Amino acid sequence: MKIYDYEKVKEIINQKKDEIKRASLGMHEDWFWTAETVFEDGKFTKKLTEETVIGGINGSYWATPALRLEFKNGEEECISCYTGESDGERNPGFSFGCLSGPVQDNMPELK
């Protein structure tokens, strides 16, 4: 199972904190339902430890834990931030709805 790598997340945010408007964590392939803001207005809004749960989960058997950065200059990037490996696949019947589909269509490419 892929789980969030909070140390990597904190390192990335701390390196770029002066440029970041907002940072969120979630599963890249299902952002609408899993994402939470963790950094905004120059400070962490959530304590990131091994016990932290984001969007009700701390990892996924098939989706990729990711950090989405929204910069003050309007640019965005999405970085994979996890440890472990996938040991499952997305359910073939999985589909995005009218709320989550547009959000997913506007996700930055995962780096």
Protein backbone atom coordinates (compact mmCIF):
# COMPACT_ATOMS: atom_id res chain seq x y z
CA MET A 1 0.00 0.00 0.00
CA LYS A 2 1.19 3.54 -0.79
CA ILE A 3 1.08 5.80 2.29
CA TYR A 4 1.78 9.51 2.61
CA ASP A 5 5.42 10.44 3.15
CA TYR A 6 4.88 13.35 5.52
CA GLU A 7 8.59 14.01 5.94
CA LYS A 8 8.95 14.56 2.19
CA VAL A 9 5.83 16.75 2.20
CA LYS A 10 7.18 18.96 4.99
CA GLU A 11 10.59 19.19 3.31
CA ILE A 12 9.10 20.33 -0.01
CA ILE A 13 6.78 22.85 1.63
CA ASN A 14 9.51 24.27 3.85
CA GLN A 15 11.84 24.69 0.85
CA LYS A 16 9.21 26.65 -1.11
CA LYS A 17 7.07 28.16 1.66
CA ASP A 18 7.66 31.78 0.64
CA GLU A 19 6.32 31.03 -2.85
CA ILE A 20 3.33 28.86 -1.81
CA LYS A 21 -0.20 30.20 -1.53
CA ARG A 22 -1.70 26.82 -0.57
CA ALA A 23 -0.59 23.19 -0.33
CA SER A 24 -2.94 20.23 -0.23
CA LEU A 25 -2.58 16.47 0.12
CA GLY A 26 -4.81 13.87 -1.49
CA MET A 27 -4.95 10.92 -3.84
CA HIS A 28 -4.03 12.17 -7.30
CA GLU A 29 -6.50 9.87 -9.08
CA ASP A 30 -9.45 10.80 -6.80
CA TRP A 31 -8.68 14.35 -5.66
CA PHE A 32 -12.18 15.68 -5.00
CA TRP A 33 -12.97 13.13 -2.30
CA THR A 34 -9.56 12.76 -0.68
CA ALA A 35 -7.80 16.15 -0.62
CA GLU A 36 -7.25 18.45 2.35
CA THR A 37 -5.37 21.72 2.68
CA VAL A 38 -2.31 21.31 4.90
CA PHE A 39 -0.53 24.66 4.40
CA GLU A 40 -1.98 28.12 3.80
CA ASP A 41 -1.11 31.75 4.57
CA GLY A 42 2.49 30.85 5.38
CA LYS A 43 1.78 28.17 7.95
CA PHE A 44 0.82 24.54 8.31
CA THR A 45 -2.90 24.09 8.94
CA LYS A 46 -2.56 20.44 9.89
CA LYS A 47 0.09 18.67 11.95
CA LEU A 48 1.72 16.03 9.75
CA THR A 49 2.80 12.94 11.69
CA GLU A 50 2.62 9.18 11.13
CA GLU A 51 -0.84 9.24 12.77
CA THR A 52 -2.24 11.92 10.45
CA VAL A 53 -5.21 10.96 8.31
CA ILE A 54 -6.00 12.97 5.16
CA GLY A 55 -9.49 12.81 3.69
CA GLY A 56 -10.33 9.90 5.96
CA ILE A 57 -7.44 7.72 4.76
CA ASN A 58 -3.66 7.55 5.11
CA GLY A 59 -2.88 5.64 1.93
CA SER A 60 -4.23 3.64 -0.97
CA TYR A 61 -3.84 0.25 -2.60
CA TRP A 62 -4.21 1.80 -6.07
CA ALA A 63 -4.13 5.63 -5.99
CA THR A 64 -1.08 7.89 -5.61
CA PRO A 65 -0.67 10.07 -2.50
CA ALA A 66 0.26 13.51 -3.82
CA LEU A 67 1.11 17.05 -2.75
CA ARG A 68 -0.55 19.81 -4.79
CA LEU A 69 1.17 23.18 -4.58
CA GLU A 70 -0.59 26.39 -5.58
CA PHE A 71 1.93 29.18 -5.93
CA LYS A 72 1.40 32.89 -5.37
CA ASN A 73 2.24 33.52 -9.05
CA GLY A 74 -0.71 31.34 -10.15
CA GLU A 75 1.29 28.28 -11.19
CA GLU A 76 0.53 24.82 -9.79
CA GLU A 77 2.36 21.54 -9.50
CA CYS A 78 1.53 18.12 -8.16
CA ILE A 79 4.25 15.88 -6.69
CA SER A 80 3.92 12.24 -5.66
CA CYS A 81 4.73 11.92 -1.94
CA TYR A 82 4.51 8.36 -0.67
CA THR A 83 6.32 5.32 0.57
CA GLY A 84 5.36 1.74 -0.28
CA GLU A 85 3.97 0.29 -3.46
CA SER A 86 0.56 -0.32 -5.01
CA ASP A 87 -0.73 -3.80 -4.52
CA GLY A 88 -4.09 -3.34 -6.16
CA GLU A 89 -5.85 -1.71 -9.08
CA ARG A 90 -8.69 0.75 -9.37
CA ASN A 91 -12.07 -0.97 -9.53
CA PRO A 92 -13.03 -1.21 -13.22
CA GLY A 93 -16.48 0.15 -12.35
CA PHE A 94 -15.03 3.31 -10.78
CA SER A 95 -16.13 6.52 -12.44
CA PHE A 96 -16.11 10.21 -11.60
CA GLY A 97 -19.40 11.97 -10.94
CA CYS A 98 -20.64 15.44 -11.81
CA LEU A 99 -18.74 16.97 -8.87
CA SER A 100 -15.48 15.04 -8.92
CA GLY A 101 -15.08 14.76 -12.71
CA PRO A 102 -14.40 18.47 -13.35
CA VAL A 103 -11.97 18.61 -10.42
CA GLN A 104 -10.09 15.60 -11.76
CA ASP A 105 -9.97 17.13 -15.25
CA ASN A 106 -8.16 20.16 -13.81
CA MET A 107 -5.48 18.33 -11.83
CA PRO A 108 -1.89 19.23 -12.68
CA GLU A 109 0.19 16.42 -14.14
CA LEU A 110 1.80 14.27 -11.46
CA LYS A 111 5.60 14.60 -11.11
